Amino acid sequence: MKIEVDDTRCFAVGNCALHAPAVFDQNDEDGRVVVLDPAPSEQQYAQVREAASRCPAAVIVLHEDAPDRPGPSPREE
């Protein structure tokens, strides 16, 4: 999973940080969403989905087919 946000449309409600605090936070100045981990672990998926579904501005986009974390590149022999 990969997370993308459009913080320019964020209402600064804070549902994202409430439901997935290890992945989302709020900017101290304007309260808009800040992504702490754009490629969360599989254990965080449920919280991230909940946070995205509760965003009133619908600024959180989840790319479910994206790899969790980039792995090492295969070596060429």
N, C-alpha and C. Protein backbone atom coordinates (compact mmCIF):
# COMPACT_ATOMS: atom_id res chain seq x y z
N MET A 1 0.84 -1.18 0.00
CA MET A 1 0.00 0.00 0.00
C MET A 1 0.89 1.24 0.00
N LYS A 2 0.45 2.23 -0.75
CA LYS A 2 1.12 3.53 -0.77
C LYS A 2 0.06 4.60 -0.52
N ILE A 3 0.41 5.61 0.24
CA ILE A 3 -0.52 6.68 0.60
C ILE A 3 -0.13 7.95 -0.12
N GLU A 4 -1.15 8.60 -0.65
CA GLU A 4 -0.98 9.90 -1.31
C GLU A 4 -2.03 10.84 -0.72
N VAL A 5 -1.69 12.08 -0.48
CA VAL A 5 -2.67 13.05 0.03
C VAL A 5 -2.58 14.35 -0.75
N ASP A 6 -3.71 15.04 -0.80
CA ASP A 6 -3.75 16.39 -1.37
C ASP A 6 -4.02 17.33 -0.20
N ASP A 7 -2.96 17.76 0.46
CA ASP A 7 -3.14 18.56 1.66
C ASP A 7 -3.72 19.95 1.39
N THR A 8 -3.75 20.37 0.13
CA THR A 8 -4.33 21.68 -0.19
C THR A 8 -5.85 21.68 -0.01
N ARG A 9 -6.46 20.49 -0.03
CA ARG A 9 -7.92 20.39 0.16
C ARG A 9 -8.30 19.94 1.57
N CYS A 10 -7.31 19.74 2.43
CA CYS A 10 -7.54 19.23 3.78
C CYS A 10 -8.30 20.26 4.62
N PHE A 11 -9.31 19.78 5.38
CA PHE A 11 -10.10 20.63 6.27
C PHE A 11 -9.51 20.74 7.67
N ALA A 12 -8.45 19.98 7.95
CA ALA A 12 -7.78 19.97 9.26
C ALA A 12 -8.68 19.46 10.38
N VAL A 13 -9.51 18.48 10.07
CA VAL A 13 -10.40 17.89 11.08
C VAL A 13 -9.62 16.98 12.03
N GLY A 14 -8.66 16.22 11.51
CA GLY A 14 -7.82 15.39 12.35
C GLY A 14 -8.23 13.94 12.47
N ASN A 15 -9.24 13.50 11.71
CA ASN A 15 -9.65 12.10 11.77
C ASN A 15 -8.52 11.16 11.37
N CYS A 16 -7.69 11.57 10.45
CA CYS A 16 -6.58 10.73 10.01
C CYS A 16 -5.63 10.44 11.16
N ALA A 17 -5.22 11.48 11.87
CA ALA A 17 -4.29 11.33 12.99
C ALA A 17 -4.94 10.58 14.15
N LEU A 18 -6.23 10.72 14.31
CA LEU A 18 -6.95 10.02 15.37
C LEU A 18 -7.00 8.52 15.11
N HIS A 19 -7.27 8.12 13.88
CA HIS A 19 -7.46 6.71 13.55
C HIS A 19 -6.17 5.98 13.18
N ALA A 20 -5.16 6.69 12.73
CA ALA A 20 -3.88 6.06 12.36
C ALA A 20 -2.72 6.98 12.78
N PRO A 21 -2.50 7.14 14.08
CA PRO A 21 -1.51 8.10 14.55
C PRO A 21 -0.06 7.77 14.20
N ALA A 22 0.23 6.53 13.89
CA ALA A 22 1.60 6.18 13.49
C ALA A 22 1.87 6.52 12.03
N VAL A 23 0.79 6.79 11.29
CA VAL A 23 0.91 7.04 9.85
C VAL A 23 0.62 8.50 9.50
N PHE A 24 -0.32 9.11 10.22
CA PHE A 24 -0.72 10.49 9.93
C PHE A 24 -0.52 11.38 11.15
N ASP A 25 -0.26 12.65 10.88
CA ASP A 25 -0.19 13.67 11.91
C ASP A 25 -0.80 14.93 11.32
N GLN A 26 -0.81 15.99 12.11
CA GLN A 26 -1.31 17.27 11.63
C GLN A 26 -0.21 18.32 11.74
N ASN A 27 -0.15 19.18 10.75
CA ASN A 27 0.80 20.28 10.73
C ASN A 27 0.52 21.20 11.92
N ASP A 28 1.55 21.57 12.65
CA ASP A 28 1.38 22.42 13.83
C ASP A 28 0.85 23.80 13.49
N GLU A 29 1.13 24.29 12.31
CA GLU A 29 0.72 25.64 11.94
C GLU A 29 -0.72 25.74 11.47
N ASP A 30 -1.13 24.81 10.58
CA ASP A 30 -2.48 24.94 10.01
C ASP A 30 -3.36 23.71 10.23
N GLY A 31 -2.84 22.67 10.85
CA GLY A 31 -3.64 21.50 11.16
C GLY A 31 -3.85 20.53 10.01
N ARG A 32 -3.28 20.84 8.85
CA ARG A 32 -3.47 19.96 7.70
C ARG A 32 -2.72 18.65 7.87
N VAL A 33 -3.17 17.66 7.13
CA VAL A 33 -2.61 16.32 7.20
C VAL A 33 -1.13 16.30 6.83
N VAL A 34 -0.38 15.49 7.58
CA VAL A 34 1.02 15.20 7.31
C VAL A 34 1.15 13.69 7.30
N VAL A 35 1.74 13.14 6.25
CA VAL A 35 1.94 11.69 6.17
C VAL A 35 3.29 11.36 6.79
N LEU A 36 3.26 10.58 7.85
CA LEU A 36 4.48 10.17 8.53
C LEU A 36 5.11 8.96 7.87
N ASP A 37 4.26 8.09 7.31
CA ASP A 37 4.74 6.86 6.69
C ASP A 37 3.94 6.61 5.41
N PRO A 38 4.45 7.00 4.25
CA PRO A 38 3.71 6.85 2.99
C PRO A 38 3.57 5.41 2.51
N ALA A 39 4.30 4.48 3.13
CA ALA A 39 4.20 3.06 2.77
C ALA A 39 4.10 2.25 4.07
N PRO A 40 2.93 2.28 4.71
CA PRO A 40 2.79 1.63 6.02
C PRO A 40 2.90 0.11 5.95
N SER A 41 3.15 -0.47 7.11
CA SER A 41 3.23 -1.93 7.18
C SER A 41 1.83 -2.53 7.07
N GLU A 42 1.80 -3.79 6.74
CA GLU A 42 0.52 -4.49 6.57
C GLU A 42 -0.31 -4.46 7.85
N GLN A 43 0.34 -4.44 9.00
CA GLN A 43 -0.37 -4.39 10.27
C GLN A 43 -1.13 -3.08 10.46
N GLN A 44 -0.77 -2.06 9.71
CA GLN A 44 -1.42 -0.75 9.83
C GLN A 44 -2.53 -0.54 8.80
N TYR A 45 -2.70 -1.47 7.87
CA TYR A 45 -3.65 -1.27 6.78
C TYR A 45 -5.06 -0.95 7.27
N ALA A 46 -5.57 -1.67 8.25
CA ALA A 46 -6.94 -1.45 8.72
C ALA A 46 -7.10 -0.04 9.26
N GLN A 47 -6.14 0.42 10.05
CA GLN A 47 -6.20 1.78 10.59
C GLN A 47 -6.13 2.83 9.49
N VAL A 48 -5.26 2.59 8.51
CA VAL A 48 -5.11 3.54 7.41
C VAL A 48 -6.40 3.62 6.59
N ARG A 49 -7.00 2.47 6.32
CA ARG A 49 -8.27 2.46 5.57
C ARG A 49 -9.36 3.19 6.35
N GLU A 50 -9.41 2.97 7.65
CA GLU A 50 -10.39 3.66 8.50
C GLU A 50 -10.16 5.16 8.45
N ALA A 51 -8.92 5.58 8.57
CA ALA A 51 -8.59 7.01 8.52
C ALA A 51 -9.02 7.61 7.19
N ALA A 52 -8.73 6.92 6.10
CA ALA A 52 -9.10 7.43 4.77
C ALA A 52 -10.61 7.51 4.62
N SER A 53 -11.32 6.52 5.13
CA SER A 53 -12.78 6.52 4.98
C SER A 53 -13.44 7.60 5.82
N ARG A 54 -12.78 8.04 6.87
CA ARG A 54 -13.35 9.06 7.76
C ARG A 54 -12.90 10.48 7.42
N CYS A 55 -12.12 10.63 6.37
CA CYS A 55 -11.66 11.96 5.97
C CYS A 55 -12.81 12.70 5.27
N PRO A 56 -13.34 13.78 5.87
CA PRO A 56 -14.47 14.48 5.26
C PRO A 56 -14.13 15.18 3.95
N ALA A 57 -12.87 15.48 3.73
CA ALA A 57 -12.45 16.15 2.50
C ALA A 57 -12.00 15.15 1.43
N ALA A 58 -11.92 13.88 1.80
CA ALA A 58 -11.50 12.80 0.88
C ALA A 58 -10.17 13.12 0.21
N VAL A 59 -9.20 13.56 1.02
CA VAL A 59 -7.89 13.92 0.47
C VAL A 59 -6.88 12.77 0.52
N ILE A 60 -7.25 11.67 1.16
CA ILE A 60 -6.34 10.53 1.30
C ILE A 60 -6.65 9.51 0.22
N VAL A 61 -5.64 9.22 -0.60
CA VAL A 61 -5.77 8.23 -1.67
C VAL A 61 -4.87 7.06 -1.32
N LEU A 62 -5.45 5.85 -1.33
CA LEU A 62 -4.69 4.65 -1.04
C LEU A 62 -4.45 3.87 -2.32
N HIS A 63 -3.22 3.56 -2.58
CA HIS A 63 -2.85 2.74 -3.73
C HIS A 63 -2.58 1.34 -3.18
N GLU A 64 -3.63 0.53 -3.20
CA GLU A 64 -3.57 -0.80 -2.59
C GLU A 64 -2.61 -1.74 -3.31
N ASP A 65 -2.40 -1.53 -4.60
CA ASP A 65 -1.56 -2.45 -5.37
C ASP A 65 -0.08 -2.10 -5.31
N ALA A 66 0.26 -1.01 -4.64
CA ALA A 66 1.67 -0.61 -4.54
C ALA A 66 2.40 -1.51 -3.55
N PRO A 67 3.66 -1.79 -3.79
CA PRO A 67 4.42 -2.62 -2.85
C PRO A 67 4.52 -1.92 -1.49
N ASP A 68 4.54 -2.72 -0.43
CA ASP A 68 4.61 -2.17 0.93
C ASP A 68 5.86 -1.34 1.14
N ARG A 69 6.97 -1.94 0.87
CA ARG A 69 8.25 -1.27 1.06
C ARG A 69 9.17 -1.70 -0.06
N PRO A 70 9.93 -0.77 -0.58
CA PRO A 70 10.87 -1.17 -1.62
C PRO A 70 11.91 -2.13 -1.06
N GLY A 71 12.13 -3.19 -1.77
CA GLY A 71 13.12 -4.17 -1.35
C GLY A 71 14.42 -3.95 -2.09
N PRO A 72 15.40 -4.75 -1.76
CA PRO A 72 16.68 -4.61 -2.47
C PRO A 72 16.53 -5.02 -3.93
N SER A 73 17.25 -4.37 -4.78
CA SER A 73 17.22 -4.70 -6.21
C SER A 73 17.93 -6.03 -6.43
N PRO A 74 17.38 -6.85 -7.31
CA PRO A 74 18.07 -8.11 -7.59
C PRO A 74 19.42 -7.84 -8.25
N ARG A 75 20.38 -8.64 -7.91
CA ARG A 75 21.72 -8.47 -8.48
C ARG A 75 21.77 -9.09 -9.87
N GLU A 76 22.45 -8.40 -10.73
CA GLU A 76 22.66 -8.94 -12.08
C GLU A 76 23.95 -9.73 -12.07
N GLU A 77 23.93 -10.89 -12.68
CA GLU A 77 25.14 -11.72 -12.71
C GLU A 77 25.64 -11.87 -14.11
